[in-house]
Amino acid sequence: FNGLIKNNPTAAFIFELLKKEQTEDSIVNAMLDKYEVDEET
């Protein structure tokens, strides 16, 4: 990959999580803890 990825705050949060081993569920749970949004979204 040769480029730059500009992240919004939500994507930046996910990138930080992905610096350590994660599952989709662990990321979803971290997002639910941080933001007021429904799980399906």
PDB file of all heavy atoms in Angstrom:
ATOM      1  N   PHE A   1       0.851  -1.190   0.000  1.00  0.00           N
ATOM      2  CA  PHE A   1       0.000   0.000   0.000  1.00  0.00           C
ATOM      3  C   PHE A   1       0.882   1.234   0.000  1.00  0.00           C
ATOM      4  O   PHE A   1       1.668   1.440   0.922  1.00  0.00           O
ATOM      5  CB  PHE A   1      -0.920   0.024   1.223  1.00  0.00           C
ATOM      6  CG  PHE A   1      -1.830   1.222   1.233  1.00  0.00           C
ATOM      7  CD1 PHE A   1      -2.991   1.217   0.479  1.00  0.00           C
ATOM      8  CD2 PHE A   1      -1.522   2.346   1.973  1.00  0.00           C
ATOM      9  CE1 PHE A   1      -3.825   2.322   0.470  1.00  0.00           C
ATOM     10  CE2 PHE A   1      -2.359   3.447   1.974  1.00  0.00           C
ATOM     11  CZ  PHE A   1      -3.512   3.440   1.218  1.00  0.00           C
ATOM     12  N   ASN A   2       0.742   2.036  -1.026  1.00  0.00           N
ATOM     13  CA  ASN A   2       1.542   3.243  -1.147  1.00  0.00           C
ATOM     14  C   ASN A   2       0.596   4.428  -1.165  1.00  0.00           C
ATOM     15  O   ASN A   2       0.061   4.790  -2.205  1.00  0.00           O
ATOM     16  CB  ASN A   2       2.392   3.189  -2.418  1.00  0.00           C
ATOM     17  CG  ASN A   2       3.361   4.335  -2.492  1.00  0.00           C
ATOM     18  OD1 ASN A   2       3.503   5.101  -1.557  1.00  0.00           O
ATOM     19  ND2 ASN A   2       4.023   4.455  -3.618  1.00  0.00           N
ATOM     20  N   GLY A   3       0.355   4.995  -0.019  1.00  0.00           N
ATOM     21  CA  GLY A   3      -0.561   6.122   0.041  1.00  0.00           C
ATOM     22  C   GLY A   3      -0.763   6.582   1.463  1.00  0.00           C
ATOM     23  O   GLY A   3      -0.122   6.111   2.398  1.00  0.00           O
ATOM     24  N   LEU A   4      -1.691   7.493   1.612  1.00  0.00           N
ATOM     25  CA  LEU A   4      -2.034   8.085   2.897  1.00  0.00           C
ATOM     26  C   LEU A   4      -3.522   7.885   3.120  1.00  0.00           C
ATOM     27  O   LEU A   4      -4.315   8.091   2.201  1.00  0.00           O
ATOM     28  CB  LEU A   4      -1.703   9.586   2.884  1.00  0.00           C
ATOM     29  CG  LEU A   4      -2.139  10.377   4.094  1.00  0.00           C
ATOM     30  CD1 LEU A   4      -1.068  10.283   5.177  1.00  0.00           C
ATOM     31  CD2 LEU A   4      -2.352  11.825   3.708  1.00  0.00           C
ATOM     32  N   ILE A   5      -3.882   7.469   4.309  1.00  0.00           N
ATOM     33  CA  ILE A   5      -5.288   7.295   4.659  1.00  0.00           C
ATOM     34  C   ILE A   5      -5.643   8.380   5.657  1.00  0.00           C
ATOM     35  O   ILE A   5      -5.057   8.457   6.738  1.00  0.00           O
ATOM     36  CB  ILE A   5      -5.553   5.922   5.288  1.00  0.00           C
ATOM     37  CG1 ILE A   5      -5.135   4.824   4.331  1.00  0.00           C
ATOM     38  CG2 ILE A   5      -7.017   5.790   5.698  1.00  0.00           C
ATOM     39  CD1 ILE A   5      -5.054   3.457   4.978  1.00  0.00           C
ATOM     40  N   LYS A   6      -6.573   9.238   5.279  1.00  0.00           N
ATOM     41  CA  LYS A   6      -7.054  10.267   6.200  1.00  0.00           C
ATOM     42  C   LYS A   6      -8.262   9.700   6.929  1.00  0.00           C
ATOM     43  O   LYS A   6      -9.221   9.262   6.306  1.00  0.00           O
ATOM     44  CB  LYS A   6      -7.443  11.529   5.430  1.00  0.00           C
ATOM     45  CG  LYS A   6      -7.854  12.657   6.327  1.00  0.00           C
ATOM     46  CD  LYS A   6      -8.183  13.898   5.534  1.00  0.00           C
ATOM     47  CE  LYS A   6      -8.739  14.946   6.466  1.00  0.00           C
ATOM     48  NZ  LYS A   6      -9.380  16.032   5.745  1.00  0.00           N
ATOM     49  N   ASN A   7      -8.178   9.670   8.260  1.00  0.00           N
ATOM     50  CA  ASN A   7      -9.224   9.061   9.077  1.00  0.00           C
ATOM     51  C   ASN A   7     -10.085  10.105   9.766  1.00  0.00           C
ATOM     52  O   ASN A   7      -9.564  11.086  10.295  1.00  0.00           O
ATOM     53  CB  ASN A   7      -8.598   8.167  10.158  1.00  0.00           C
ATOM     54  CG  ASN A   7      -7.997   6.920   9.579  1.00  0.00           C
ATOM     55  OD1 ASN A   7      -8.548   6.335   8.660  1.00  0.00           O
ATOM     56  ND2 ASN A   7      -6.858   6.503  10.110  1.00  0.00           N
ATOM     57  N   ASN A   8     -11.385   9.840   9.800  1.00  0.00           N
ATOM     58  CA  ASN A   8     -12.247  10.640  10.666  1.00  0.00           C
ATOM     59  C   ASN A   8     -12.050  10.132  12.090  1.00  0.00           C
ATOM     60  O   ASN A   8     -11.353   9.127  12.306  1.00  0.00           O
ATOM     61  CB  ASN A   8     -13.707  10.571  10.191  1.00  0.00           C
ATOM     62  CG  ASN A   8     -14.319   9.186  10.302  1.00  0.00           C
ATOM     63  OD1 ASN A   8     -13.910   8.354  11.110  1.00  0.00           O
ATOM     64  ND2 ASN A   8     -15.308   8.923   9.476  1.00  0.00           N
ATOM     65  N   PRO A   9     -12.608  10.798  13.104  1.00  0.00           N
ATOM     66  CA  PRO A   9     -12.361  10.363  14.487  1.00  0.00           C
ATOM     67  C   PRO A   9     -12.758   8.915  14.777  1.00  0.00           C
ATOM     68  O   PRO A   9     -12.068   8.222  15.522  1.00  0.00           O
ATOM     69  CB  PRO A   9     -13.203  11.340  15.312  1.00  0.00           C
ATOM     70  CG  PRO A   9     -13.266  12.578  14.470  1.00  0.00           C
ATOM     71  CD  PRO A   9     -13.344  12.071  13.055  1.00  0.00           C
ATOM     72  N   THR A  10     -13.825   8.451  14.170  1.00  0.00           N
ATOM     73  CA  THR A  10     -14.257   7.073  14.395  1.00  0.00           C
ATOM     74  C   THR A  10     -13.256   6.084  13.806  1.00  0.00           C
ATOM     75  O   THR A  10     -12.856   5.123  14.464  1.00  0.00           O
ATOM     76  CB  THR A  10     -15.655   6.843  13.781  1.00  0.00           C
ATOM     77  OG1 THR A  10     -16.559   7.810  14.307  1.00  0.00           O
ATOM     78  CG2 THR A  10     -16.167   5.459  14.088  1.00  0.00           C
ATOM     79  N   ALA A  11     -12.834   6.316  12.584  1.00  0.00           N
ATOM     80  CA  ALA A  11     -11.848   5.427  11.956  1.00  0.00           C
ATOM     81  C   ALA A  11     -10.524   5.489  12.703  1.00  0.00           C
ATOM     82  O   ALA A  11      -9.861   4.462  12.880  1.00  0.00           O
ATOM     83  CB  ALA A  11     -11.660   5.795  10.492  1.00  0.00           C
ATOM     84  N   ALA A  12     -10.141   6.674  13.172  1.00  0.00           N
ATOM     85  CA  ALA A  12      -8.898   6.812  13.936  1.00  0.00           C
ATOM     86  C   ALA A  12      -8.962   5.966  15.209  1.00  0.00           C
ATOM     87  O   ALA A  12      -7.978   5.322  15.590  1.00  0.00           O
ATOM     88  CB  ALA A  12      -8.636   8.275  14.271  1.00  0.00           C
ATOM     89  N   PHE A  13     -10.121   5.945  15.857  1.00  0.00           N
ATOM     90  CA  PHE A  13     -10.314   5.134  17.058  1.00  0.00           C
ATOM     91  C   PHE A  13     -10.144   3.653  16.730  1.00  0.00           C
ATOM     92  O   PHE A  13      -9.455   2.912  17.447  1.00  0.00           O
ATOM     93  CB  PHE A  13     -11.696   5.413  17.654  1.00  0.00           C
ATOM     94  CG  PHE A  13     -12.015   4.616  18.885  1.00  0.00           C
ATOM     95  CD1 PHE A  13     -11.346   4.843  20.077  1.00  0.00           C
ATOM     96  CD2 PHE A  13     -12.990   3.635  18.850  1.00  0.00           C
ATOM     97  CE1 PHE A  13     -11.642   4.098  21.221  1.00  0.00           C
ATOM     98  CE2 PHE A  13     -13.299   2.893  19.982  1.00  0.00           C
ATOM     99  CZ  PHE A  13     -12.616   3.122  21.167  1.00  0.00           C
ATOM    100  N   ILE A  14     -10.717   3.220  15.620  1.00  0.00           N
ATOM    101  CA  ILE A  14     -10.604   1.813  15.212  1.00  0.00           C
ATOM    102  C   ILE A  14      -9.159   1.478  14.864  1.00  0.00           C
ATOM    103  O   ILE A  14      -8.655   0.416  15.236  1.00  0.00           O
ATOM    104  CB  ILE A  14     -11.566   1.499  14.053  1.00  0.00           C
ATOM    105  CG1 ILE A  14     -13.010   1.608  14.550  1.00  0.00           C
ATOM    106  CG2 ILE A  14     -11.293   0.107  13.474  1.00  0.00           C
ATOM    107  CD1 ILE A  14     -14.063   1.519  13.459  1.00  0.00           C
ATOM    108  N   PHE A  15      -8.470   2.367  14.180  1.00  0.00           N
ATOM    109  CA  PHE A  15      -7.061   2.133  13.863  1.00  0.00           C
ATOM    110  C   PHE A  15      -6.245   1.958  15.139  1.00  0.00           C
ATOM    111  O   PHE A  15      -5.371   1.098  15.213  1.00  0.00           O
ATOM    112  CB  PHE A  15      -6.487   3.282  13.020  1.00  0.00           C
ATOM    113  CG  PHE A  15      -6.556   3.048  11.544  1.00  0.00           C
ATOM    114  CD1 PHE A  15      -7.764   3.167  10.862  1.00  0.00           C
ATOM    115  CD2 PHE A  15      -5.430   2.716  10.824  1.00  0.00           C
ATOM    116  CE1 PHE A  15      -7.832   2.969   9.502  1.00  0.00           C
ATOM    117  CE2 PHE A  15      -5.483   2.506   9.451  1.00  0.00           C
ATOM    118  CZ  PHE A  15      -6.694   2.634   8.791  1.00  0.00           C
ATOM    119  N   GLU A  16      -6.529   2.777  16.142  1.00  0.00           N
ATOM    120  CA  GLU A  16      -5.815   2.646  17.427  1.00  0.00           C
ATOM    121  C   GLU A  16      -6.098   1.291  18.058  1.00  0.00           C
ATOM    122  O   GLU A  16      -5.194   0.646  18.591  1.00  0.00           O
ATOM    123  CB  GLU A  16      -6.181   3.781  18.377  1.00  0.00           C
ATOM    124  CG  GLU A  16      -5.624   5.121  17.968  1.00  0.00           C
ATOM    125  CD  GLU A  16      -4.104   5.117  17.811  1.00  0.00           C
ATOM    126  OE1 GLU A  16      -3.403   4.648  18.720  1.00  0.00           O
ATOM    127  OE2 GLU A  16      -3.624   5.584  16.759  1.00  0.00           O
ATOM    128  N   LEU A  17      -7.343   0.847  18.011  1.00  0.00           N
ATOM    129  CA  LEU A  17      -7.685  -0.473  18.539  1.00  0.00           C
ATOM    130  C   LEU A  17      -6.929  -1.566  17.807  1.00  0.00           C
ATOM    131  O   LEU A  17      -6.464  -2.531  18.411  1.00  0.00           O
ATOM    132  CB  LEU A  17      -9.198  -0.729  18.411  1.00  0.00           C
ATOM    133  CG  LEU A  17     -10.124   0.096  19.284  1.00  0.00           C
ATOM    134  CD1 LEU A  17     -11.580  -0.147  18.884  1.00  0.00           C
ATOM    135  CD2 LEU A  17      -9.914  -0.206  20.758  1.00  0.00           C
ATOM    136  N   LEU A  18      -6.787  -1.406  16.499  1.00  0.00           N
ATOM    137  CA  LEU A  18      -6.161  -2.433  15.677  1.00  0.00           C
ATOM    138  C   LEU A  18      -4.644  -2.499  15.819  1.00  0.00           C
ATOM    139  O   LEU A  18      -3.999  -3.343  15.211  1.00  0.00           O
ATOM    140  CB  LEU A  18      -6.530  -2.239  14.202  1.00  0.00           C
ATOM    141  CG  LEU A  18      -7.955  -2.643  13.843  1.00  0.00           C
ATOM    142  CD1 LEU A  18      -8.318  -2.152  12.449  1.00  0.00           C
ATOM    143  CD2 LEU A  18      -8.134  -4.157  13.955  1.00  0.00           C
ATOM    144  N   LYS A  19      -4.082  -1.660  16.652  1.00  0.00           N
ATOM    145  CA  LYS A  19      -2.652  -1.770  16.930  1.00  0.00           C
ATOM    146  C   LYS A  19      -2.368  -3.011  17.773  1.00  0.00           C
ATOM    147  O   LYS A  19      -1.249  -3.496  17.814  1.00  0.00           O
ATOM    148  CB  LYS A  19      -2.140  -0.516  17.631  1.00  0.00           C
ATOM    149  CG  LYS A  19      -2.054   0.667  16.694  1.00  0.00           C
ATOM    150  CD  LYS A  19      -1.502   1.875  17.394  1.00  0.00           C
ATOM    151  CE  LYS A  19      -1.349   3.035  16.419  1.00  0.00           C
ATOM    152  NZ  LYS A  19      -0.765   4.209  17.079  1.00  0.00           N
ATOM    153  N   LYS A  20      -3.418  -3.501  18.447  1.00  0.00           N
ATOM    154  CA  LYS A  20      -3.339  -4.751  19.200  1.00  0.00           C
ATOM    155  C   LYS A  20      -4.351  -5.711  18.606  1.00  0.00           C
ATOM    156  O   LYS A  20      -5.319  -5.299  17.963  1.00  0.00           O
ATOM    157  CB  LYS A  20      -3.660  -4.511  20.677  1.00  0.00           C
ATOM    158  CG  LYS A  20      -2.650  -3.644  21.374  1.00  0.00           C
ATOM    159  CD  LYS A  20      -2.964  -3.517  22.836  1.00  0.00           C
ATOM    160  CE  LYS A  20      -1.895  -2.662  23.505  1.00  0.00           C
ATOM    161  NZ  LYS A  20      -2.185  -2.480  24.924  1.00  0.00           N
ATOM    162  N   GLU A  21      -4.153  -6.981  18.837  1.00  0.00           N
ATOM    163  CA  GLU A  21      -5.036  -8.018  18.312  1.00  0.00           C
ATOM    164  C   GLU A  21      -6.485  -7.736  18.723  1.00  0.00           C
ATOM    165  O   GLU A  21      -6.768  -7.482  19.900  1.00  0.00           O
ATOM    166  CB  GLU A  21      -4.586  -9.388  18.828  1.00  0.00           C
ATOM    167  CG  GLU A  21      -5.299 -10.542  18.205  1.00  0.00           C
ATOM    168  CD  GLU A  21      -4.976 -10.721  16.728  1.00  0.00           C
ATOM    169  OE1 GLU A  21      -3.842 -10.430  16.305  1.00  0.00           O
ATOM    170  OE2 GLU A  21      -5.873 -11.173  15.987  1.00  0.00           O
ATOM    171  N   GLN A  22      -7.382  -7.785  17.761  1.00  0.00           N
ATOM    172  CA  GLN A  22      -8.802  -7.521  17.983  1.00  0.00           C
ATOM    173  C   GLN A  22      -9.642  -8.523  17.211  1.00  0.00           C
ATOM    174  O   GLN A  22      -9.177  -9.127  16.241  1.00  0.00           O
ATOM    175  CB  GLN A  22      -9.174  -6.109  17.499  1.00  0.00           C
ATOM    176  CG  GLN A  22      -8.463  -4.972  18.157  1.00  0.00           C
ATOM    177  CD  GLN A  22      -8.885  -4.754  19.590  1.00  0.00           C
ATOM    178  OE1 GLN A  22     -10.030  -5.020  19.975  1.00  0.00           O
ATOM    179  NE2 GLN A  22      -7.958  -4.282  20.407  1.00  0.00           N
ATOM    180  N   THR A  23     -10.893  -8.619  17.613  1.00  0.00           N
ATOM    181  CA  THR A  23     -11.900  -9.327  16.821  1.00  0.00           C
ATOM    182  C   THR A  23     -12.924  -8.283  16.394  1.00  0.00           C
ATOM    183  O   THR A  23     -12.958  -7.172  16.940  1.00  0.00           O
ATOM    184  CB  THR A  23     -12.615 -10.416  17.637  1.00  0.00           C
ATOM    185  OG1 THR A  23     -13.333  -9.788  18.710  1.00  0.00           O
ATOM    186  CG2 THR A  23     -11.634 -11.445  18.184  1.00  0.00           C
ATOM    187  N   GLU A  24     -13.747  -8.640  15.446  1.00  0.00           N
ATOM    188  CA  GLU A  24     -14.820  -7.716  15.064  1.00  0.00           C
ATOM    189  C   GLU A  24     -15.673  -7.383  16.285  1.00  0.00           C
ATOM    190  O   GLU A  24     -16.030  -6.227  16.502  1.00  0.00           O
ATOM    191  CB  GLU A  24     -15.674  -8.328  13.957  1.00  0.00           C
ATOM    192  CG  GLU A  24     -16.780  -7.405  13.483  1.00  0.00           C
ATOM    193  CD  GLU A  24     -17.607  -7.999  12.363  1.00  0.00           C
ATOM    194  OE1 GLU A  24     -17.023  -8.560  11.423  1.00  0.00           O
ATOM    195  OE2 GLU A  24     -18.845  -7.892  12.448  1.00  0.00           O
ATOM    196  N   ASP A  25     -15.989  -8.399  17.092  1.00  0.00           N
ATOM    197  CA  ASP A  25     -16.814  -8.175  18.278  1.00  0.00           C
ATOM    198  C   ASP A  25     -16.145  -7.239  19.280  1.00  0.00           C
ATOM    199  O   ASP A  25     -16.818  -6.398  19.879  1.00  0.00           O
ATOM    200  CB  ASP A  25     -17.152  -9.501  18.966  1.00  0.00           C
ATOM    201  CG  ASP A  25     -18.184 -10.305  18.202  1.00  0.00           C
ATOM    202  OD1 ASP A  25     -18.938  -9.728  17.378  1.00  0.00           O
ATOM    203  OD2 ASP A  25     -18.246 -11.532  18.416  1.00  0.00           O
ATOM    204  N   SER A  26     -14.836  -7.375  19.480  1.00  0.00           N
ATOM    205  CA  SER A  26     -14.170  -6.501  20.448  1.00  0.00           C
ATOM    206  C   SER A  26     -14.173  -5.050  19.973  1.00  0.00           C
ATOM    207  O   SER A  26     -14.321  -4.125  20.776  1.00  0.00           O
ATOM    208  CB  SER A  26     -12.742  -6.981  20.741  1.00  0.00           C
ATOM    209  OG  SER A  26     -11.893  -6.831  19.615  1.00  0.00           O
ATOM    210  N   ILE A  27     -14.057  -4.850  18.660  1.00  0.00           N
ATOM    211  CA  ILE A  27     -14.118  -3.491  18.118  1.00  0.00           C
ATOM    212  C   ILE A  27     -15.533  -2.928  18.267  1.00  0.00           C
ATOM    213  O   ILE A  27     -15.716  -1.786  18.693  1.00  0.00           O
ATOM    214  CB  ILE A  27     -13.664  -3.468  16.647  1.00  0.00           C
ATOM    215  CG1 ILE A  27     -12.188  -3.867  16.555  1.00  0.00           C
ATOM    216  CG2 ILE A  27     -13.898  -2.094  16.028  1.00  0.00           C
ATOM    217  CD1 ILE A  27     -11.701  -4.137  15.144  1.00  0.00           C
ATOM    218  N   VAL A  28     -16.525  -3.733  17.928  1.00  0.00           N
ATOM    219  CA  VAL A  28     -17.924  -3.304  18.074  1.00  0.00           C
ATOM    220  C   VAL A  28     -18.206  -2.930  19.526  1.00  0.00           C
ATOM    221  O   VAL A  28     -18.796  -1.880  19.807  1.00  0.00           O
ATOM    222  CB  VAL A  28     -18.897  -4.392  17.573  1.00  0.00           C
ATOM    223  CG1 VAL A  28     -20.328  -4.098  17.991  1.00  0.00           C
ATOM    224  CG2 VAL A  28     -18.794  -4.539  16.060  1.00  0.00           C
ATOM    225  N   ASN A  29     -17.782  -3.761  20.464  1.00  0.00           N
ATOM    226  CA  ASN A  29     -18.026  -3.470  21.879  1.00  0.00           C
ATOM    227  C   ASN A  29     -17.331  -2.197  22.331  1.00  0.00           C
ATOM    228  O   ASN A  29     -17.906  -1.405  23.085  1.00  0.00           O
ATOM    229  CB  ASN A  29     -17.608  -4.652  22.749  1.00  0.00           C
ATOM    230  CG  ASN A  29     -18.529  -5.836  22.590  1.00  0.00           C
ATOM    231  OD1 ASN A  29     -19.718  -5.681  22.312  1.00  0.00           O
ATOM    232  ND2 ASN A  29     -18.000  -7.033  22.743  1.00  0.00           N
ATOM    233  N   ALA A  30     -16.112  -1.970  21.865  1.00  0.00           N
ATOM    234  CA  ALA A  30     -15.400  -0.728  22.209  1.00  0.00           C
ATOM    235  C   ALA A  30     -16.128   0.482  21.636  1.00  0.00           C
ATOM    236  O   ALA A  30     -16.223   1.529  22.292  1.00  0.00           O
ATOM    237  CB  ALA A  30     -13.968  -0.789  21.695  1.00  0.00           C
ATOM    238  N   MET A  31     -16.651   0.345  20.440  1.00  0.00           N
ATOM    239  CA  MET A  31     -17.401   1.444  19.817  1.00  0.00           C
ATOM    240  C   MET A  31     -18.694   1.715  20.576  1.00  0.00           C
ATOM    241  O   MET A  31     -19.058   2.872  20.785  1.00  0.00           O
ATOM    242  CB  MET A  31     -17.715   1.098  18.359  1.00  0.00           C
ATOM    243  CG  MET A  31     -16.509   0.937  17.473  1.00  0.00           C
ATOM    244  SD  MET A  31     -15.707   2.480  17.107  1.00  0.00           S
ATOM    245  CE  MET A  31     -16.924   3.203  16.036  1.00  0.00           C
ATOM    246  N   LEU A  32     -19.372   0.653  20.993  1.00  0.00           N
ATOM    247  CA  LEU A  32     -20.613   0.831  21.760  1.00  0.00           C
ATOM    248  C   LEU A  32     -20.338   1.508  23.100  1.00  0.00           C
ATOM    249  O   LEU A  32     -21.162   2.289  23.584  1.00  0.00           O
ATOM    250  CB  LEU A  32     -21.309  -0.518  21.969  1.00  0.00           C
ATOM    251  CG  LEU A  32     -21.911  -1.147  20.715  1.00  0.00           C
ATOM    252  CD1 LEU A  32     -22.375  -2.570  21.010  1.00  0.00           C
ATOM    253  CD2 LEU A  32     -23.057  -0.298  20.180  1.00  0.00           C
ATOM    254  N   ASP A  33     -19.187   1.217  23.702  1.00  0.00           N
ATOM    255  CA  ASP A  33     -18.811   1.863  24.962  1.00  0.00           C
ATOM    256  C   ASP A  33     -18.484   3.340  24.759  1.00  0.00           C
ATOM    257  O   ASP A  33     -18.744   4.169  25.623  1.00  0.00           O
ATOM    258  CB  ASP A  33     -17.597   1.175  25.590  1.00  0.00           C
ATOM    259  CG  ASP A  33     -17.926  -0.193  26.165  1.00  0.00           C
ATOM    260  OD1 ASP A  33     -19.122  -0.493  26.367  1.00  0.00           O
ATOM    261  OD2 ASP A  33     -16.983  -0.967  26.402  1.00  0.00           O
ATOM    262  N   LYS A  34     -17.926   3.684  23.618  1.00  0.00           N
ATOM    263  CA  LYS A  34     -17.465   5.053  23.367  1.00  0.00           C
ATOM    264  C   LYS A  34     -18.557   5.957  22.794  1.00  0.00           C
ATOM    265  O   LYS A  34     -18.634   7.128  23.128  1.00  0.00           O
ATOM    266  CB  LYS A  34     -16.268   5.032  22.421  1.00  0.00           C
ATOM    267  CG  LYS A  34     -15.660   6.403  22.185  1.00  0.00           C
ATOM    268  CD  LYS A  34     -14.340   6.294  21.475  1.00  0.00           C
ATOM    269  CE  LYS A  34     -13.733   7.640  21.163  1.00  0.00           C
ATOM    270  NZ  LYS A  34     -13.174   8.323  22.312  1.00  0.00           N
ATOM    271  N   TYR A  35     -19.387   5.408  21.915  1.00  0.00           N
ATOM    272  CA  TYR A  35     -20.377   6.219  21.208  1.00  0.00           C
ATOM    273  C   TYR A  35     -21.793   5.758  21.533  1.00  0.00           C
ATOM    274  O   TYR A  35     -22.033   4.591  21.783  1.00  0.00           O
ATOM    275  CB  TYR A  35     -20.163   6.111  19.693  1.00  0.00           C
ATOM    276  CG  TYR A  35     -18.804   6.582  19.235  1.00  0.00           C
ATOM    277  CD1 TYR A  35     -17.801   5.663  18.915  1.00  0.00           C
ATOM    278  CD2 TYR A  35     -18.514   7.935  19.126  1.00  0.00           C
ATOM    279  CE1 TYR A  35     -16.548   6.086  18.486  1.00  0.00           C
ATOM    280  CE2 TYR A  35     -17.262   8.370  18.704  1.00  0.00           C
ATOM    281  CZ  TYR A  35     -16.284   7.436  18.393  1.00  0.00           C
ATOM    282  OH  TYR A  35     -15.050   7.854  17.978  1.00  0.00           O
ATOM    283  N   GLU A  36     -22.721   6.679  21.466  1.00  0.00           N
ATOM    284  CA  GLU A  36     -24.132   6.346  21.652  1.00  0.00           C
ATOM    285  C   GLU A  36     -24.738   6.036  20.291  1.00  0.00           C
ATOM    286  O   GLU A  36     -25.175   6.935  19.574  1.00  0.00           O
ATOM    287  CB  GLU A  36     -24.873   7.506  22.310  1.00  0.00           C
ATOM    288  CG  GLU A  36     -24.540   7.666  23.773  1.00  0.00           C
ATOM    289  CD  GLU A  36     -25.433   8.656  24.464  1.00  0.00           C
ATOM    290  OE1 GLU A  36     -26.604   8.816  24.063  1.00  0.00           O
ATOM    291  OE2 GLU A  36     -24.951   9.262  25.421  1.00  0.00           O
ATOM    292  N   VAL A  37     -24.724   4.766  19.964  1.00  0.00           N
ATOM    293  CA  VAL A  37     -25.230   4.312  18.673  1.00  0.00           C
ATOM    294  C   VAL A  37     -25.682   2.865  18.836  1.00  0.00           C
ATOM    295  O   VAL A  37     -25.219   2.166  19.735  1.00  0.00           O
ATOM    296  CB  VAL A  37     -24.144   4.468  17.583  1.00  0.00           C
ATOM    297  CG1 VAL A  37     -22.969   3.568  17.847  1.00  0.00           C
ATOM    298  CG2 VAL A  37     -24.703   4.280  16.197  1.00  0.00           C
ATOM    299  N   ASP A  38     -26.586   2.446  17.970  1.00  0.00           N
ATOM    300  CA  ASP A  38     -27.089   1.080  18.102  1.00  0.00           C
ATOM    301  C   ASP A  38     -26.094   0.077  17.516  1.00  0.00           C
ATOM    302  O   ASP A  38     -25.292   0.404  16.643  1.00  0.00           O
ATOM    303  CB  ASP A  38     -28.455   0.940  17.417  1.00  0.00           C
ATOM    304  CG  ASP A  38     -28.377   1.157  15.926  1.00  0.00           C
ATOM    305  OD1 ASP A  38     -28.338   2.339  15.498  1.00  0.00           O
ATOM    306  OD2 ASP A  38     -28.336   0.152  15.189  1.00  0.00           O
ATOM    307  N   GLU A  39     -26.169  -1.139  18.018  1.00  0.00           N
ATOM    308  CA  GLU A  39     -25.211  -2.177  17.629  1.00  0.00           C
ATOM    309  C   GLU A  39     -25.272  -2.499  16.146  1.00  0.00           C
ATOM    310  O   GLU A  39     -24.236  -2.723  15.506  1.00  0.00           O
ATOM    311  CB  GLU A  39     -25.426  -3.447  18.445  1.00  0.00           C
ATOM    312  CG  GLU A  39     -24.409  -4.512  18.129  1.00  0.00           C
ATOM    313  CD  GLU A  39     -24.526  -5.749  18.991  1.00  0.00           C
ATOM    314  OE1 GLU A  39     -25.251  -5.737  19.994  1.00  0.00           O
ATOM    315  OE2 GLU A  39     -23.868  -6.753  18.634  1.00  0.00           O
ATOM    316  N   GLU A  40     -26.454  -2.526  15.560  1.00  0.00           N
ATOM    317  CA  GLU A  40     -26.579  -2.857  14.146  1.00  0.00           C
ATOM    318  C   GLU A  40     -25.803  -1.859  13.270  1.00  0.00           C
ATOM    319  O   GLU A  40     -25.087  -2.257  12.356  1.00  0.00           O
ATOM    320  CB  GLU A  40     -28.056  -2.865  13.737  1.00  0.00           C
ATOM    321  CG  GLU A  40     -28.282  -3.258  12.296  1.00  0.00           C
ATOM    322  CD  GLU A  40     -29.758  -3.278  11.929  1.00  0.00           C
ATOM    323  OE1 GLU A  40     -30.618  -3.378  12.823  1.00  0.00           O
ATOM    324  OE2 GLU A  40     -30.034  -3.194  10.720  1.00  0.00           O
ATOM    325  N   THR A  41     -25.924  -0.585  13.581  1.00  0.00           N
ATOM    326  CA  THR A  41     -25.203   0.447  12.827  1.00  0.00           C
ATOM    327  C   THR A  41     -23.705   0.310  13.016  1.00  0.00           C
ATOM    328  O   THR A  41     -22.932   0.364  12.045  1.00  0.00           O
ATOM    329  CB  THR A  41     -25.670   1.848  13.259  1.00  0.00           C
ATOM    330  OG1 THR A  41     -27.072   1.969  13.014  1.00  0.00           O
ATOM    331  CG2 THR A  41     -24.925   2.939  12.519  1.00  0.00           C
TER     332      THR A  41
END
